Amino acid sequence: MDTAQPGSGTDDEQAPSAADVRRYAQQMRSLPAEQVIVDVLFTLLNAAQVKLGRRDARLLIDLGTIAHEHARPYLSAELTSEIDQVLGQLRLGQVSAEGRGGGEREENDLDRMPAPPSAGAAQAPASQPPSRLWVPGRP
C-alpha cells in the first residue's frame, strides 16, 4: 500500500511541464482581478470557518478583513456586502467558539493569540460611521 501524501516529494509526482506552466500563467493573466481577489478572500474565510475557536481562526479573519478593506474600492457593491456579512458571522462565531472552548491550544494552532491589526489596517469604510461594537481584531 502506498502511503505517500500529496506534496510529499515522492517520485510518483511529476513537476508540471513548461507548457502546463505557460497555460496556467495565461489563465491567471486573463482572469479579472475581482475573481482572483474573491478566490483568495473566500479561501481565507472558509479556512477561518473550519477553525472557529482556534487562535489561527482569528488571524485568518483579520487577514480577510484587511484584504477586503484594501480591495473594497475595486469590488462590486453586491460582493462587498456579501463579504461584510460573512466576516460579521465569522467574528460572532469566533467569539462564541472561544467562549465554549476554554482557549486551550489545539494541535497545529498558533502558539499565542494574534495581535489585532494596526489601527489603520482595518478601518471601517469612510461611508459608514465607526461602530462602537467591539469586534475581535479591531481596536
N, C-alpha and C. Protein backbone atom coordinates (compact mmCIF):
# COMPACT_ATOMS: atom_id res chain seq x y z
N MET A 1 0.84 -1.17 0.00
CA MET A 1 0.00 0.00 0.00
C MET A 1 0.89 1.23 0.00
N ASP A 2 0.56 2.20 -0.85
CA ASP A 2 1.33 3.44 -0.96
C ASP A 2 0.83 4.43 0.07
N THR A 3 1.73 4.92 0.92
CA THR A 3 1.33 5.87 1.96
C THR A 3 1.79 7.28 1.66
N ALA A 4 2.28 7.52 0.44
CA ALA A 4 2.76 8.85 0.08
C ALA A 4 1.59 9.84 0.08
N GLN A 5 1.84 11.01 0.62
CA GLN A 5 0.85 12.07 0.67
C GLN A 5 1.10 13.05 -0.47
N PRO A 6 0.06 13.73 -0.93
CA PRO A 6 0.27 14.77 -1.94
C PRO A 6 1.26 15.81 -1.42
N GLY A 7 2.17 16.20 -2.28
CA GLY A 7 3.14 17.21 -1.90
C GLY A 7 4.28 16.68 -1.06
N SER A 8 4.39 15.34 -0.93
CA SER A 8 5.43 14.78 -0.07
C SER A 8 6.76 14.62 -0.79
N GLY A 9 6.81 14.95 -2.07
CA GLY A 9 8.06 14.90 -2.81
C GLY A 9 8.48 13.52 -3.26
N THR A 10 7.55 12.58 -3.37
CA THR A 10 7.90 11.24 -3.82
C THR A 10 8.10 11.23 -5.32
N ASP A 11 8.66 10.15 -5.82
CA ASP A 11 8.95 10.02 -7.25
C ASP A 11 7.68 9.93 -8.09
N ASP A 12 6.56 9.55 -7.48
CA ASP A 12 5.31 9.42 -8.23
C ASP A 12 4.79 10.75 -8.75
N GLU A 13 5.20 11.84 -8.11
CA GLU A 13 4.75 13.16 -8.53
C GLU A 13 5.65 13.67 -9.64
N GLN A 14 5.03 14.31 -10.61
CA GLN A 14 5.81 14.89 -11.70
C GLN A 14 5.63 16.39 -11.68
N ALA A 15 6.72 17.09 -11.91
CA ALA A 15 6.65 18.55 -11.99
C ALA A 15 5.87 18.91 -13.25
N PRO A 16 5.12 20.00 -13.20
CA PRO A 16 4.38 20.40 -14.40
C PRO A 16 5.35 20.74 -15.53
N SER A 17 4.92 20.46 -16.73
CA SER A 17 5.76 20.77 -17.89
C SER A 17 5.79 22.28 -18.11
N ALA A 18 6.73 22.73 -18.89
CA ALA A 18 6.83 24.16 -19.21
C ALA A 18 5.56 24.63 -19.91
N ALA A 19 4.99 23.78 -20.75
CA ALA A 19 3.75 24.14 -21.44
C ALA A 19 2.59 24.28 -20.45
N ASP A 20 2.53 23.38 -19.45
CA ASP A 20 1.50 23.48 -18.43
C ASP A 20 1.64 24.77 -17.63
N VAL A 21 2.86 25.13 -17.29
CA VAL A 21 3.11 26.36 -16.54
C VAL A 21 2.69 27.57 -17.36
N ARG A 22 3.03 27.58 -18.65
CA ARG A 22 2.63 28.70 -19.52
C ARG A 22 1.11 28.80 -19.63
N ARG A 23 0.44 27.66 -19.77
CA ARG A 23 -1.02 27.64 -19.86
C ARG A 23 -1.65 28.19 -18.58
N TYR A 24 -1.13 27.76 -17.44
CA TYR A 24 -1.64 28.24 -16.16
C TYR A 24 -1.42 29.74 -16.01
N ALA A 25 -0.24 30.20 -16.37
CA ALA A 25 0.07 31.63 -16.29
C ALA A 25 -0.87 32.43 -17.19
N GLN A 26 -1.16 31.92 -18.37
CA GLN A 26 -2.07 32.61 -19.28
C GLN A 26 -3.48 32.65 -18.71
N GLN A 27 -3.92 31.55 -18.10
CA GLN A 27 -5.24 31.53 -17.48
C GLN A 27 -5.32 32.56 -16.35
N MET A 28 -4.30 32.60 -15.51
CA MET A 28 -4.28 33.56 -14.41
C MET A 28 -4.27 34.99 -14.93
N ARG A 29 -3.50 35.22 -15.97
CA ARG A 29 -3.39 36.57 -16.54
C ARG A 29 -4.73 37.05 -17.09
N SER A 30 -5.53 36.12 -17.62
CA SER A 30 -6.79 36.51 -18.25
C SER A 30 -7.94 36.67 -17.24
N LEU A 31 -7.76 36.21 -16.01
CA LEU A 31 -8.82 36.35 -15.01
C LEU A 31 -8.98 37.80 -14.58
N PRO A 32 -10.21 38.24 -14.37
CA PRO A 32 -10.40 39.59 -13.81
C PRO A 32 -9.84 39.62 -12.39
N ALA A 33 -9.31 40.77 -11.99
CA ALA A 33 -8.74 40.91 -10.65
C ALA A 33 -9.78 40.55 -9.59
N GLU A 34 -11.04 40.94 -9.80
CA GLU A 34 -12.08 40.64 -8.82
C GLU A 34 -12.18 39.14 -8.57
N GLN A 35 -12.03 38.32 -9.60
CA GLN A 35 -12.13 36.87 -9.43
C GLN A 35 -10.97 36.34 -8.59
N VAL A 36 -9.77 36.83 -8.83
CA VAL A 36 -8.60 36.40 -8.05
C VAL A 36 -8.78 36.82 -6.59
N ILE A 37 -9.24 38.05 -6.37
CA ILE A 37 -9.46 38.55 -5.01
C ILE A 37 -10.52 37.70 -4.30
N VAL A 38 -11.61 37.40 -4.99
CA VAL A 38 -12.67 36.57 -4.41
C VAL A 38 -12.12 35.20 -4.02
N ASP A 39 -11.34 34.60 -4.90
CA ASP A 39 -10.77 33.28 -4.60
C ASP A 39 -9.90 33.33 -3.35
N VAL A 40 -9.05 34.34 -3.26
CA VAL A 40 -8.15 34.48 -2.11
C VAL A 40 -8.96 34.73 -0.83
N LEU A 41 -9.89 35.68 -0.90
CA LEU A 41 -10.68 36.02 0.29
C LEU A 41 -11.50 34.83 0.79
N PHE A 42 -12.18 34.14 -0.12
CA PHE A 42 -13.01 33.05 0.34
C PHE A 42 -12.19 31.84 0.77
N THR A 43 -10.98 31.69 0.29
CA THR A 43 -10.09 30.66 0.83
C THR A 43 -9.77 30.98 2.28
N LEU A 44 -9.43 32.25 2.57
CA LEU A 44 -9.15 32.67 3.95
C LEU A 44 -10.38 32.48 4.84
N LEU A 45 -11.54 32.91 4.34
CA LEU A 45 -12.75 32.86 5.16
C LEU A 45 -13.25 31.44 5.37
N ASN A 46 -13.13 30.58 4.38
CA ASN A 46 -13.50 29.18 4.55
C ASN A 46 -12.59 28.49 5.56
N ALA A 47 -11.29 28.79 5.48
CA ALA A 47 -10.35 28.22 6.46
C ALA A 47 -10.68 28.71 7.86
N ALA A 48 -11.01 30.00 7.98
CA ALA A 48 -11.37 30.55 9.29
C ALA A 48 -12.62 29.85 9.84
N GLN A 49 -13.57 29.57 8.98
CA GLN A 49 -14.81 28.94 9.43
C GLN A 49 -14.56 27.57 10.04
N VAL A 50 -13.74 26.76 9.41
CA VAL A 50 -13.50 25.42 9.94
C VAL A 50 -12.58 25.45 11.16
N LYS A 51 -11.91 26.57 11.39
CA LYS A 51 -11.01 26.70 12.53
C LYS A 51 -11.60 27.53 13.67
N LEU A 52 -12.89 27.87 13.59
CA LEU A 52 -13.50 28.73 14.61
C LEU A 52 -13.19 28.21 16.01
N GLY A 53 -12.84 29.14 16.89
CA GLY A 53 -12.48 28.80 18.26
C GLY A 53 -10.99 28.67 18.46
N ARG A 54 -10.26 28.52 17.39
CA ARG A 54 -8.80 28.41 17.47
C ARG A 54 -8.17 29.78 17.30
N ARG A 55 -6.93 29.89 17.72
CA ARG A 55 -6.21 31.16 17.58
C ARG A 55 -5.97 31.51 16.12
N ASP A 56 -5.68 30.49 15.32
CA ASP A 56 -5.40 30.78 13.91
C ASP A 56 -6.64 31.27 13.17
N ALA A 57 -7.83 30.95 13.66
CA ALA A 57 -9.05 31.49 13.04
C ALA A 57 -9.09 33.00 13.16
N ARG A 58 -8.68 33.51 14.32
CA ARG A 58 -8.62 34.98 14.49
C ARG A 58 -7.69 35.60 13.45
N LEU A 59 -6.53 34.99 13.26
CA LEU A 59 -5.57 35.52 12.29
C LEU A 59 -6.17 35.51 10.89
N LEU A 60 -6.82 34.43 10.51
CA LEU A 60 -7.42 34.32 9.17
C LEU A 60 -8.56 35.33 8.99
N ILE A 61 -9.36 35.55 10.03
CA ILE A 61 -10.43 36.55 9.95
C ILE A 61 -9.83 37.94 9.79
N ASP A 62 -8.79 38.23 10.57
CA ASP A 62 -8.14 39.55 10.46
C ASP A 62 -7.51 39.75 9.09
N LEU A 63 -6.86 38.71 8.56
CA LEU A 63 -6.27 38.81 7.22
C LEU A 63 -7.35 39.05 6.16
N GLY A 64 -8.46 38.33 6.28
CA GLY A 64 -9.57 38.53 5.36
C GLY A 64 -10.12 39.95 5.43
N THR A 65 -10.22 40.48 6.65
CA THR A 65 -10.71 41.85 6.85
C THR A 65 -9.79 42.87 6.20
N ILE A 66 -8.50 42.72 6.44
CA ILE A 66 -7.53 43.67 5.88
C ILE A 66 -7.52 43.60 4.36
N ALA A 67 -7.50 42.38 3.82
CA ALA A 67 -7.50 42.23 2.36
C ALA A 67 -8.78 42.81 1.76
N HIS A 68 -9.91 42.56 2.41
CA HIS A 68 -11.18 43.08 1.91
C HIS A 68 -11.21 44.60 1.93
N GLU A 69 -10.76 45.20 3.01
CA GLU A 69 -10.75 46.66 3.10
C GLU A 69 -9.86 47.27 2.03
N HIS A 70 -8.74 46.64 1.76
CA HIS A 70 -7.84 47.16 0.73
C HIS A 70 -8.45 47.02 -0.67
N ALA A 71 -9.15 45.91 -0.90
CA ALA A 71 -9.72 45.64 -2.22
C ALA A 71 -11.11 46.26 -2.41
N ARG A 72 -11.74 46.71 -1.35
CA ARG A 72 -13.13 47.20 -1.39
C ARG A 72 -13.42 48.14 -2.56
N PRO A 73 -12.58 49.13 -2.86
CA PRO A 73 -12.90 50.05 -3.96
C PRO A 73 -12.95 49.38 -5.33
N TYR A 74 -12.42 48.19 -5.44
CA TYR A 74 -12.33 47.50 -6.73
C TYR A 74 -13.36 46.39 -6.88
N LEU A 75 -14.19 46.18 -5.85
CA LEU A 75 -15.17 45.11 -5.86
C LEU A 75 -16.57 45.67 -6.03
N SER A 76 -17.45 44.84 -6.57
CA SER A 76 -18.85 45.26 -6.73
C SER A 76 -19.50 45.44 -5.36
N ALA A 77 -20.53 46.28 -5.32
CA ALA A 77 -21.25 46.53 -4.07
C ALA A 77 -21.87 45.24 -3.53
N GLU A 78 -22.40 44.42 -4.42
CA GLU A 78 -23.03 43.16 -4.01
C GLU A 78 -22.00 42.23 -3.35
N LEU A 79 -20.85 42.10 -3.97
CA LEU A 79 -19.80 41.24 -3.43
C LEU A 79 -19.28 41.79 -2.10
N THR A 80 -19.09 43.09 -2.03
CA THR A 80 -18.61 43.72 -0.79
C THR A 80 -19.60 43.47 0.34
N SER A 81 -20.88 43.59 0.06
CA SER A 81 -21.90 43.35 1.08
C SER A 81 -21.87 41.89 1.55
N GLU A 82 -21.72 40.97 0.62
CA GLU A 82 -21.66 39.55 0.97
C GLU A 82 -20.46 39.26 1.86
N ILE A 83 -19.31 39.81 1.50
CA ILE A 83 -18.09 39.58 2.29
C ILE A 83 -18.24 40.20 3.68
N ASP A 84 -18.83 41.40 3.76
CA ASP A 84 -19.07 42.03 5.06
C ASP A 84 -19.94 41.13 5.95
N GLN A 85 -20.98 40.54 5.36
CA GLN A 85 -21.86 39.65 6.13
C GLN A 85 -21.11 38.42 6.62
N VAL A 86 -20.32 37.81 5.74
CA VAL A 86 -19.56 36.62 6.12
C VAL A 86 -18.56 36.96 7.23
N LEU A 87 -17.86 38.08 7.09
CA LEU A 87 -16.91 38.48 8.13
C LEU A 87 -17.62 38.70 9.46
N GLY A 88 -18.78 39.34 9.44
CA GLY A 88 -19.54 39.54 10.67
C GLY A 88 -19.94 38.23 11.33
N GLN A 89 -20.41 37.29 10.52
CA GLN A 89 -20.79 35.98 11.04
C GLN A 89 -19.59 35.25 11.62
N LEU A 90 -18.45 35.34 10.94
CA LEU A 90 -17.24 34.68 11.43
C LEU A 90 -16.77 35.29 12.75
N ARG A 91 -16.83 36.61 12.86
CA ARG A 91 -16.42 37.26 14.12
C ARG A 91 -17.29 36.79 15.28
N LEU A 92 -18.60 36.78 15.05
CA LEU A 92 -19.51 36.31 16.10
C LEU A 92 -19.27 34.84 16.43
N GLY A 93 -19.07 34.05 15.40
CA GLY A 93 -18.80 32.63 15.60
C GLY A 93 -17.50 32.39 16.35
N GLN A 94 -16.49 33.20 16.06
CA GLN A 94 -15.21 33.06 16.75
C GLN A 94 -15.35 33.38 18.23
N VAL A 95 -16.01 34.48 18.54
CA VAL A 95 -16.19 34.87 19.94
C VAL A 95 -16.99 33.79 20.68
N SER A 96 -18.04 33.30 20.05
CA SER A 96 -18.86 32.25 20.66
C SER A 96 -18.05 30.97 20.88
N ALA A 97 -17.29 30.57 19.87
CA ALA A 97 -16.49 29.34 19.98
C ALA A 97 -15.38 29.49 21.01
N GLU A 98 -14.79 30.67 21.10
CA GLU A 98 -13.76 30.89 22.11
C GLU A 98 -14.36 30.78 23.51
N GLY A 99 -15.58 31.26 23.68
CA GLY A 99 -16.26 31.17 24.97
C GLY A 99 -16.56 29.74 25.38
N ARG A 100 -16.83 28.88 24.41
CA ARG A 100 -17.13 27.47 24.69
C ARG A 100 -15.88 26.63 24.84
N GLY A 101 -14.80 27.00 24.12
CA GLY A 101 -13.64 26.13 24.03
C GLY A 101 -12.64 26.23 25.15
N GLY A 102 -12.67 27.26 25.94
CA GLY A 102 -11.71 27.37 27.03
C GLY A 102 -10.38 27.94 26.62
N GLY A 103 -10.12 28.16 25.34
CA GLY A 103 -8.91 28.82 24.89
C GLY A 103 -7.65 27.98 24.88
N GLU A 104 -7.76 26.66 25.09
CA GLU A 104 -6.57 25.82 25.04
C GLU A 104 -6.07 25.71 23.60
N ARG A 105 -4.77 25.60 23.48
CA ARG A 105 -4.16 25.48 22.16
C ARG A 105 -4.39 24.07 21.62
N GLU A 106 -4.84 24.00 20.38
CA GLU A 106 -5.00 22.72 19.70
C GLU A 106 -3.76 22.42 18.88
N GLU A 107 -3.65 21.18 18.44
CA GLU A 107 -2.54 20.79 17.59
C GLU A 107 -2.54 21.65 16.32
N ASN A 108 -1.38 22.10 15.92
CA ASN A 108 -1.18 22.93 14.73
C ASN A 108 -1.85 24.29 14.82
N ASP A 109 -2.21 24.73 16.01
CA ASP A 109 -2.75 26.07 16.20
C ASP A 109 -1.58 27.00 16.50
N LEU A 110 -1.83 28.29 16.46
CA LEU A 110 -0.79 29.26 16.79
C LEU A 110 -0.41 29.12 18.26
N ASP A 111 0.84 29.43 18.58
CA ASP A 111 1.28 29.30 19.96
C ASP A 111 0.85 30.47 20.84
N ARG A 112 0.33 31.53 20.24
CA ARG A 112 -0.16 32.68 21.01
C ARG A 112 -1.29 33.34 20.22
N MET A 113 -2.06 34.14 20.92
CA MET A 113 -3.16 34.86 20.29
C MET A 113 -2.58 35.92 19.36
N PRO A 114 -3.06 36.01 18.12
CA PRO A 114 -2.53 37.03 17.21
C PRO A 114 -2.87 38.44 17.70
N ALA A 115 -1.95 39.35 17.47
CA ALA A 115 -2.20 40.75 17.80
C ALA A 115 -3.22 41.30 16.81
N PRO A 116 -4.07 42.19 17.27
CA PRO A 116 -5.02 42.80 16.33
C PRO A 116 -4.27 43.61 15.28
N PRO A 117 -4.88 43.78 14.11
CA PRO A 117 -4.24 44.60 13.07
C PRO A 117 -4.02 46.02 13.59
N SER A 118 -3.07 46.70 13.00
CA SER A 118 -2.82 48.09 13.39
C SER A 118 -4.07 48.92 13.11
N ALA A 119 -4.18 50.05 13.78
CA ALA A 119 -5.39 50.87 13.70
C ALA A 119 -5.77 51.24 12.28
N GLY A 120 -4.82 51.53 11.42
CA GLY A 120 -5.13 51.94 10.06
C GLY A 120 -5.39 50.79 9.12
N ALA A 121 -5.09 49.56 9.53
CA ALA A 121 -5.18 48.43 8.62
C ALA A 121 -6.60 47.98 8.34
N ALA A 122 -7.48 48.08 9.31
CA ALA A 122 -8.83 47.54 9.12
C ALA A 122 -9.89 48.54 9.55
N GLN A 123 -9.77 49.75 9.07
CA GLN A 123 -10.74 50.78 9.41
C GLN A 123 -12.06 50.51 8.72
N ALA A 124 -13.12 51.00 9.33
CA ALA A 124 -14.43 50.91 8.69
C ALA A 124 -14.42 51.80 7.46
N PRO A 125 -15.18 51.45 6.42
CA PRO A 125 -15.23 52.28 5.23
C PRO A 125 -15.65 53.71 5.58
N ALA A 126 -15.16 54.67 4.82
CA ALA A 126 -15.43 56.08 5.09
C ALA A 126 -16.92 56.39 5.06
N SER A 127 -17.70 55.63 4.29
CA SER A 127 -19.12 55.91 4.16
C SER A 127 -19.92 55.48 5.39
N GLN A 128 -19.31 54.69 6.27
CA GLN A 128 -20.02 54.22 7.45
C GLN A 128 -19.41 54.85 8.70
N PRO A 129 -20.24 55.26 9.66
CA PRO A 129 -19.68 55.79 10.90
C PRO A 129 -19.01 54.66 11.67
N PRO A 130 -17.98 54.97 12.45
CA PRO A 130 -17.31 53.92 13.20
C PRO A 130 -18.29 53.26 14.18
N SER A 131 -18.21 51.97 14.28
CA SER A 131 -19.07 51.22 15.18
C SER A 131 -18.50 51.25 16.59
N ARG A 132 -19.39 51.29 17.57
CA ARG A 132 -18.93 51.22 18.96
C ARG A 132 -18.97 49.78 19.45
N LEU A 133 -19.35 48.85 18.59
CA LEU A 133 -19.38 47.45 18.93
C LEU A 133 -17.98 46.88 18.91
N TRP A 134 -17.59 46.15 19.95
CA TRP A 134 -16.27 45.52 19.96
C TRP A 134 -16.26 44.38 18.96
N VAL A 135 -15.24 44.36 18.14
CA VAL A 135 -15.08 43.33 17.12
C VAL A 135 -13.70 42.74 17.29
N PRO A 136 -13.57 41.41 17.39
CA PRO A 136 -12.24 40.81 17.52
C PRO A 136 -11.33 41.27 16.39
N GLY A 137 -10.12 41.61 16.74
CA GLY A 137 -9.15 42.02 15.73
C GLY A 137 -9.19 43.50 15.42
N ARG A 138 -10.12 44.22 16.01
CA ARG A 138 -10.20 45.67 15.78
C ARG A 138 -10.00 46.38 17.11
N PRO A 139 -9.23 47.46 17.06
CA PRO A 139 -9.00 48.21 18.31
C PRO A 139 -10.25 48.90 18.79
